[in-house]
Amino acid sequence: MFRYHLLGMLRKGTQHGYGLAKEYRHRGGVDSGLGSFYRELQKLVEQGFVRRVANKDDVDPRRAPYEITTRGEEAFDDWFEDLPRAGHCQDSELAVRALFFTEVQPDTAHRVLSRWESDLWDLTKRIERQIKDVAQRHTVTDEVHRALLQRRLQHAAKDLEFVEDLRGILSLPDVEPAVPLAESDDPQVKRRAAGGA
């Protein structure tokens, strides 16, 4: 989906690579390394979906602007309209690993669950900060972004419940979460802290 995210951002108009990387981080809340970002942009150029355009004379030549081509617009539209049917989405790599917890040593399962839980708490706090940032702006795009961030936060809270359920099923000891439950801003997470469902 990374390539379609880039194509979608270029639908707004010409942008240079670093500006696209910043917008990608802002929109998706995901920090992609600049190297992989520029490699994907170069692939899009080679495939004719994106082209480099001439820079203005007074602009740093390293800030090469890119624009989407007609072929790129068509590819984006085809992808956008080809929405997978509900229920056909694939699980994450971590969720698939859950099927094999009974096949590994308990200390390995404990380490994986602990790391998973810690990563989820870090993600939760990062999303909550992004929601606060977006809430200060009031464009339609920002409202959509906020709704998507809320959805990601709900997914993280459900994944935290899933980790807790797995600990119980596997009879693994609880560990202290990286962030105390009661400190979260998410109502679902606060309910868990209070012992609710």
C-alpha atoms as a PDB file:
ATOM      1  CA  MET A   1       0.000   0.000   0.000  1.00  0.00           C
ATOM      2  CA  PHE A   2       3.010   2.278   0.483  1.00  0.00           C
ATOM      3  CA  ARG A   3       3.177   3.114  -3.231  1.00  0.00           C
ATOM      4  CA  TYR A   4      -0.511   4.036  -3.341  1.00  0.00           C
ATOM      5  CA  HIS A   5      -0.079   6.249  -0.318  1.00  0.00           C
ATOM      6  CA  LEU A   6       2.650   8.113  -2.242  1.00  0.00           C
ATOM      7  CA  LEU A   7       0.513   8.332  -5.371  1.00  0.00           C
ATOM      8  CA  GLY A   8      -2.435   9.593  -3.341  1.00  0.00           C
ATOM      9  CA  MET A   9      -0.334  12.341  -1.759  1.00  0.00           C
ATOM     10  CA  LEU A  10       0.881  13.431  -5.200  1.00  0.00           C
ATOM     11  CA  ARG A  11      -2.729  13.804  -6.369  1.00  0.00           C
ATOM     12  CA  LYS A  12      -2.744  17.148  -4.515  1.00  0.00           C
ATOM     13  CA  GLY A  13       0.080  18.479  -6.670  1.00  0.00           C
ATOM     14  CA  THR A  14       3.835  18.534  -7.167  1.00  0.00           C
ATOM     15  CA  GLN A  15       5.941  17.921  -4.061  1.00  0.00           C
ATOM     16  CA  HIS A  16       9.594  17.237  -3.346  1.00  0.00           C
ATOM     17  CA  GLY A  17      10.697  13.933  -1.812  1.00  0.00           C
ATOM     18  CA  TYR A  18      11.446  15.176   1.690  1.00  0.00           C
ATOM     19  CA  GLY A  19       8.101  17.005   1.853  1.00  0.00           C
ATOM     20  CA  LEU A  20       6.350  13.794   0.825  1.00  0.00           C
ATOM     21  CA  ALA A  21       8.185  11.859   3.543  1.00  0.00           C
ATOM     22  CA  LYS A  22       7.095  14.396   6.182  1.00  0.00           C
ATOM     23  CA  GLU A  23       3.488  14.297   4.994  1.00  0.00           C
ATOM     24  CA  TYR A  24       3.553  10.485   4.985  1.00  0.00           C
ATOM     25  CA  ARG A  25       4.725  10.509   8.612  1.00  0.00           C
ATOM     26  CA  HIS A  26       2.061  13.082   9.527  1.00  0.00           C
ATOM     27  CA  ARG A  27      -0.820  11.350   7.735  1.00  0.00           C
ATOM     28  CA  GLY A  28      -0.064   7.761   8.637  1.00  0.00           C
ATOM     29  CA  GLY A  29       1.744   8.173  11.918  1.00  0.00           C
ATOM     30  CA  VAL A  30       4.381   5.807  10.572  1.00  0.00           C
ATOM     31  CA  ASP A  31       8.010   6.783  10.269  1.00  0.00           C
ATOM     32  CA  SER A  32       9.422   5.238   7.114  1.00  0.00           C
ATOM     33  CA  GLY A  33      13.179   5.447   6.638  1.00  0.00           C
ATOM     34  CA  LEU A  34      14.164   7.990   3.998  1.00  0.00           C
ATOM     35  CA  GLY A  35      16.163   5.353   2.113  1.00  0.00           C
ATOM     36  CA  SER A  36      13.187   3.054   1.568  1.00  0.00           C
ATOM     37  CA  PHE A  37      10.999   6.070   0.881  1.00  0.00           C
ATOM     38  CA  TYR A  38      13.254   7.327  -1.945  1.00  0.00           C
ATOM     39  CA  ARG A  39      13.707   3.790  -3.329  1.00  0.00           C
ATOM     40  CA  GLU A  40       9.930   3.416  -3.668  1.00  0.00           C
ATOM     41  CA  LEU A  41       9.687   6.867  -5.253  1.00  0.00           C
ATOM     42  CA  GLN A  42      12.399   5.868  -7.753  1.00  0.00           C
ATOM     43  CA  LYS A  43      10.498   2.662  -8.612  1.00  0.00           C
ATOM     44  CA  LEU A  44       7.398   4.731  -9.290  1.00  0.00           C
ATOM     45  CA  VAL A  45       9.445   6.948 -11.632  1.00  0.00           C
ATOM     46  CA  GLU A  46      10.871   3.891 -13.454  1.00  0.00           C
ATOM     47  CA  GLN A  47       7.374   2.424 -13.872  1.00  0.00           C
ATOM     48  CA  GLY A  48       6.008   5.674 -15.284  1.00  0.00           C
ATOM     49  CA  PHE A  49       3.607   6.431 -12.405  1.00  0.00           C
ATOM     50  CA  VAL A  50       5.559   9.487 -11.238  1.00  0.00           C
ATOM     51  CA  ARG A  51       7.982  11.856 -12.945  1.00  0.00           C
ATOM     52  CA  ARG A  52      10.539  14.358 -11.763  1.00  0.00           C
ATOM     53  CA  VAL A  53       9.923  17.920 -12.844  1.00  0.00           C
ATOM     54  CA  ALA A  54      12.306  20.811 -13.275  1.00  0.00           C
ATOM     55  CA  ASN A  55      13.256  22.683 -10.142  1.00  0.00           C
ATOM     56  CA  LYS A  56      13.039  26.455  -9.896  1.00  0.00           C
ATOM     57  CA  ASP A  57      16.403  28.201 -10.193  1.00  0.00           C
ATOM     58  CA  ASP A  58      16.425  29.494  -6.606  1.00  0.00           C
ATOM     59  CA  VAL A  59      15.559  26.116  -5.011  1.00  0.00           C
ATOM     60  CA  ASP A  60      18.069  23.648  -3.549  1.00  0.00           C
ATOM     61  CA  PRO A  61      18.723  21.106  -6.361  1.00  0.00           C
ATOM     62  CA  ARG A  62      18.548  18.241  -3.846  1.00  0.00           C
ATOM     63  CA  ARG A  63      14.851  19.021  -3.361  1.00  0.00           C
ATOM     64  CA  ALA A  64      13.727  17.447  -6.613  1.00  0.00           C
ATOM     65  CA  PRO A  65       9.990  17.878  -7.178  1.00  0.00           C
ATOM     66  CA  TYR A  66       7.826  14.970  -8.292  1.00  0.00           C
ATOM     67  CA  GLU A  67       4.407  14.850  -9.900  1.00  0.00           C
ATOM     68  CA  ILE A  68       1.996  12.051 -10.638  1.00  0.00           C
ATOM     69  CA  THR A  69       1.486  11.003 -14.269  1.00  0.00           C
ATOM     70  CA  THR A  70      -1.798  10.065 -15.929  1.00  0.00           C
ATOM     71  CA  ARG A  71      -0.720   6.428 -15.648  1.00  0.00           C
ATOM     72  CA  GLY A  72      -0.095   6.956 -11.925  1.00  0.00           C
ATOM     73  CA  GLU A  73      -3.531   8.534 -11.458  1.00  0.00           C
ATOM     74  CA  GLU A  74      -5.157   5.580 -13.204  1.00  0.00           C
ATOM     75  CA  ALA A  75      -3.199   3.087 -11.082  1.00  0.00           C
ATOM     76  CA  PHE A  76      -4.236   4.915  -7.910  1.00  0.00           C
ATOM     77  CA  ASP A  77      -7.906   5.023  -8.969  1.00  0.00           C
ATOM     78  CA  ASP A  78      -7.884   1.295  -9.805  1.00  0.00           C
ATOM     79  CA  TRP A  79      -6.356   0.459  -6.410  1.00  0.00           C
ATOM     80  CA  PHE A  80      -8.709   2.805  -4.531  1.00  0.00           C
ATOM     81  CA  GLU A  81     -11.828   1.282  -6.075  1.00  0.00           C
ATOM     82  CA  ASP A  82     -10.659  -2.323  -5.616  1.00  0.00           C
ATOM     83  CA  LEU A  83     -11.485  -2.466  -1.913  1.00  0.00           C
ATOM     84  CA  PRO A  84     -11.083  -5.937  -0.379  1.00  0.00           C
ATOM     85  CA  ARG A  85     -14.312  -7.471   0.883  1.00  0.00           C
ATOM     86  CA  ALA A  86     -14.923  -7.234   4.614  1.00  0.00           C
ATOM     87  CA  GLY A  87     -13.563 -10.275   6.411  1.00  0.00           C
ATOM     88  CA  HIS A  88     -10.892 -10.889   3.792  1.00  0.00           C
ATOM     89  CA  CYS A  89      -8.225  -8.741   5.442  1.00  0.00           C
ATOM     90  CA  GLN A  90      -5.080 -10.559   6.440  1.00  0.00           C
ATOM     91  CA  ASP A  91      -3.883 -10.784  10.042  1.00  0.00           C
ATOM     92  CA  SER A  92      -0.681  -9.149  11.126  1.00  0.00           C
ATOM     93  CA  GLU A  93       2.510 -11.180  11.448  1.00  0.00           C
ATOM     94  CA  LEU A  94       2.215 -11.061  15.230  1.00  0.00           C
ATOM     95  CA  ALA A  95      -1.365 -12.309  15.186  1.00  0.00           C
ATOM     96  CA  VAL A  96      -0.342 -15.267  13.027  1.00  0.00           C
ATOM     97  CA  ARG A  97       2.435 -16.056  15.527  1.00  0.00           C
ATOM     98  CA  ALA A  98      -0.267 -16.481  18.184  1.00  0.00           C
ATOM     99  CA  LEU A  99      -1.209 -19.766  16.503  1.00  0.00           C
ATOM    100  CA  PHE A 100       2.200 -21.157  17.440  1.00  0.00           C
ATOM    101  CA  PHE A 101       2.609 -20.088  21.068  1.00  0.00           C
ATOM    102  CA  THR A 102       1.956 -23.664  22.206  1.00  0.00           C
ATOM    103  CA  GLU A 103       4.817 -24.877  19.995  1.00  0.00           C
ATOM    104  CA  VAL A 104       7.543 -22.776  21.673  1.00  0.00           C
ATOM    105  CA  GLN A 105       9.096 -22.805  25.119  1.00  0.00           C
ATOM    106  CA  PRO A 106       7.138 -20.839  27.800  1.00  0.00           C
ATOM    107  CA  ASP A 107      10.016 -18.374  28.316  1.00  0.00           C
ATOM    108  CA  THR A 108      10.052 -17.657  24.556  1.00  0.00           C
ATOM    109  CA  ALA A 109       6.272 -17.120  24.561  1.00  0.00           C
ATOM    110  CA  HIS A 110       6.631 -14.861  27.612  1.00  0.00           C
ATOM    111  CA  ARG A 111       9.370 -12.770  25.918  1.00  0.00           C
ATOM    112  CA  VAL A 112       7.326 -12.383  22.723  1.00  0.00           C
ATOM    113  CA  LEU A 113       4.165 -11.383  24.599  1.00  0.00           C
ATOM    114  CA  SER A 114       6.105  -8.935  26.792  1.00  0.00           C
ATOM    115  CA  ARG A 115       7.716  -7.289  23.788  1.00  0.00           C
ATOM    116  CA  TRP A 116       4.389  -7.231  21.943  1.00  0.00           C
ATOM    117  CA  GLU A 117       2.713  -5.607  24.950  1.00  0.00           C
ATOM    118  CA  SER A 118       5.487  -3.025  25.337  1.00  0.00           C
ATOM    119  CA  ASP A 119       5.332  -2.139  21.627  1.00  0.00           C
ATOM    120  CA  LEU A 120       1.553  -1.786  21.814  1.00  0.00           C
ATOM    121  CA  TRP A 121       1.814   0.568  24.801  1.00  0.00           C
ATOM    122  CA  ASP A 122       4.392   2.675  22.942  1.00  0.00           C
ATOM    123  CA  LEU A 123       2.088   2.748  19.923  1.00  0.00           C
ATOM    124  CA  THR A 124      -0.885   3.743  22.105  1.00  0.00           C
ATOM    125  CA  LYS A 125       0.959   6.718  23.600  1.00  0.00           C
ATOM    126  CA  ARG A 126       2.240   7.807  20.169  1.00  0.00           C
ATOM    127  CA  ILE A 127      -1.263   7.678  18.660  1.00  0.00           C
ATOM    128  CA  GLU A 128      -2.725   9.595  21.615  1.00  0.00           C
ATOM    129  CA  ARG A 129      -0.138  12.377  21.054  1.00  0.00           C
ATOM    130  CA  GLN A 130      -0.993  12.473  17.342  1.00  0.00           C
ATOM    131  CA  ILE A 131      -4.716  12.729  18.130  1.00  0.00           C
ATOM    132  CA  LYS A 132      -4.036  15.733  20.390  1.00  0.00           C
ATOM    133  CA  ASP A 133      -1.988  17.403  17.631  1.00  0.00           C
ATOM    134  CA  VAL A 134      -4.662  16.810  14.987  1.00  0.00           C
ATOM    135  CA  ALA A 135      -7.467  17.968  17.313  1.00  0.00           C
ATOM    136  CA  GLN A 136      -6.015  21.484  17.221  1.00  0.00           C
ATOM    137  CA  ARG A 137      -6.747  21.762  13.495  1.00  0.00           C
ATOM    138  CA  HIS A 138     -10.203  21.688  11.995  1.00  0.00           C
ATOM    139  CA  THR A 139     -10.039  20.917   8.272  1.00  0.00           C
ATOM    140  CA  VAL A 140     -12.003  17.998   6.849  1.00  0.00           C
ATOM    141  CA  THR A 141      -8.716  16.197   6.112  1.00  0.00           C
ATOM    142  CA  ASP A 142      -7.678  16.589   9.753  1.00  0.00           C
ATOM    143  CA  GLU A 143     -11.049  15.261  10.945  1.00  0.00           C
ATOM    144  CA  VAL A 144     -10.626  12.190   8.723  1.00  0.00           C
ATOM    145  CA  HIS A 145      -7.068  11.790  10.028  1.00  0.00           C
ATOM    146  CA  ARG A 146      -8.323  12.022  13.620  1.00  0.00           C
ATOM    147  CA  ALA A 147     -10.993   9.369  12.953  1.00  0.00           C
ATOM    148  CA  LEU A 148      -8.353   7.047  11.474  1.00  0.00           C
ATOM    149  CA  LEU A 149      -6.082   7.604  14.472  1.00  0.00           C
ATOM    150  CA  GLN A 150      -9.003   6.806  16.811  1.00  0.00           C
ATOM    151  CA  ARG A 151      -9.535   3.582  14.867  1.00  0.00           C
ATOM    152  CA  ARG A 152      -5.845   2.666  15.239  1.00  0.00           C
ATOM    153  CA  LEU A 153      -6.067   3.402  18.968  1.00  0.00           C
ATOM    154  CA  GLN A 154      -9.071   1.091  19.313  1.00  0.00           C
ATOM    155  CA  HIS A 155      -7.185  -1.643  17.450  1.00  0.00           C
ATOM    156  CA  ALA A 156      -4.185  -1.231  19.768  1.00  0.00           C
ATOM    157  CA  ALA A 157      -6.485  -1.479  22.817  1.00  0.00           C
ATOM    158  CA  LYS A 158      -8.046  -4.673  21.411  1.00  0.00           C
ATOM    159  CA  ASP A 159      -4.587  -6.110  20.723  1.00  0.00           C
ATOM    160  CA  LEU A 160      -3.636  -5.385  24.340  1.00  0.00           C
ATOM    161  CA  GLU A 161      -6.723  -7.326  25.457  1.00  0.00           C
ATOM    162  CA  PHE A 162      -5.668 -10.134  23.128  1.00  0.00           C
ATOM    163  CA  VAL A 163      -2.194 -10.265  24.734  1.00  0.00           C
ATOM    164  CA  GLU A 164      -3.839 -10.474  28.165  1.00  0.00           C
ATOM    165  CA  ASP A 165      -6.142 -13.262  26.954  1.00  0.00           C
ATOM    166  CA  LEU A 166      -3.166 -15.189  25.553  1.00  0.00           C
ATOM    167  CA  ARG A 167      -1.323 -14.882  28.887  1.00  0.00           C
ATOM    168  CA  GLY A 168      -4.341 -16.417  30.610  1.00  0.00           C
ATOM    169  CA  ILE A 169      -4.756 -19.207  28.061  1.00  0.00           C
ATOM    170  CA  LEU A 170      -1.057 -20.060  28.215  1.00  0.00           C
ATOM    171  CA  SER A 171      -0.906 -19.579  32.017  1.00  0.00           C
ATOM    172  CA  LEU A 172       1.963 -17.117  31.683  1.00  0.00           C
ATOM    173  CA  PRO A 173       2.649 -14.588  34.462  1.00  0.00           C
ATOM    174  CA  ASP A 174       1.543 -10.998  33.961  1.00  0.00           C
ATOM    175  CA  VAL A 175       4.200  -8.336  33.526  1.00  0.00           C
ATOM    176  CA  GLU A 176       4.033  -4.647  34.315  1.00  0.00           C
ATOM    177  CA  PRO A 177       3.005  -2.801  31.147  1.00  0.00           C
ATOM    178  CA  ALA A 178       5.419  -0.230  29.773  1.00  0.00           C
ATOM    179  CA  VAL A 179       2.785   2.460  30.513  1.00  0.00           C
ATOM    180  CA  PRO A 180       0.467   2.144  33.523  1.00  0.00           C
ATOM    181  CA  LEU A 181      -3.054   1.380  32.304  1.00  0.00           C
ATOM    182  CA  ALA A 182      -4.637   4.249  34.210  1.00  0.00           C
ATOM    183  CA  GLU A 183      -2.379   6.825  32.484  1.00  0.00           C
ATOM    184  CA  SER A 184      -3.821   6.176  29.039  1.00  0.00           C
ATOM    185  CA  ASP A 185      -6.220   8.695  27.506  1.00  0.00           C
ATOM    186  CA  ASP A 186      -8.202   5.981  25.745  1.00  0.00           C
ATOM    187  CA  PRO A 187     -11.517   5.086  27.491  1.00  0.00           C
ATOM    188  CA  GLN A 188     -11.239   1.390  26.492  1.00  0.00           C
ATOM    189  CA  VAL A 189      -7.782   1.182  28.011  1.00  0.00           C
ATOM    190  CA  LYS A 190      -8.937   2.977  31.187  1.00  0.00           C
ATOM    191  CA  ARG A 191     -11.789   0.450  31.556  1.00  0.00           C
ATOM    192  CA  ARG A 192      -9.231  -2.349  31.461  1.00  0.00           C
ATOM    193  CA  ALA A 193      -7.214  -0.575  34.148  1.00  0.00           C
ATOM    194  CA  ALA A 194     -10.310  -0.481  36.341  1.00  0.00           C
ATOM    195  CA  GLY A 195     -10.928  -4.186  35.767  1.00  0.00           C
ATOM    196  CA  GLY A 196     -13.830  -3.732  33.341  1.00  0.00           C
ATOM    197  CA  ALA A 197     -14.401  -5.475  30.019  1.00  0.00           C
END
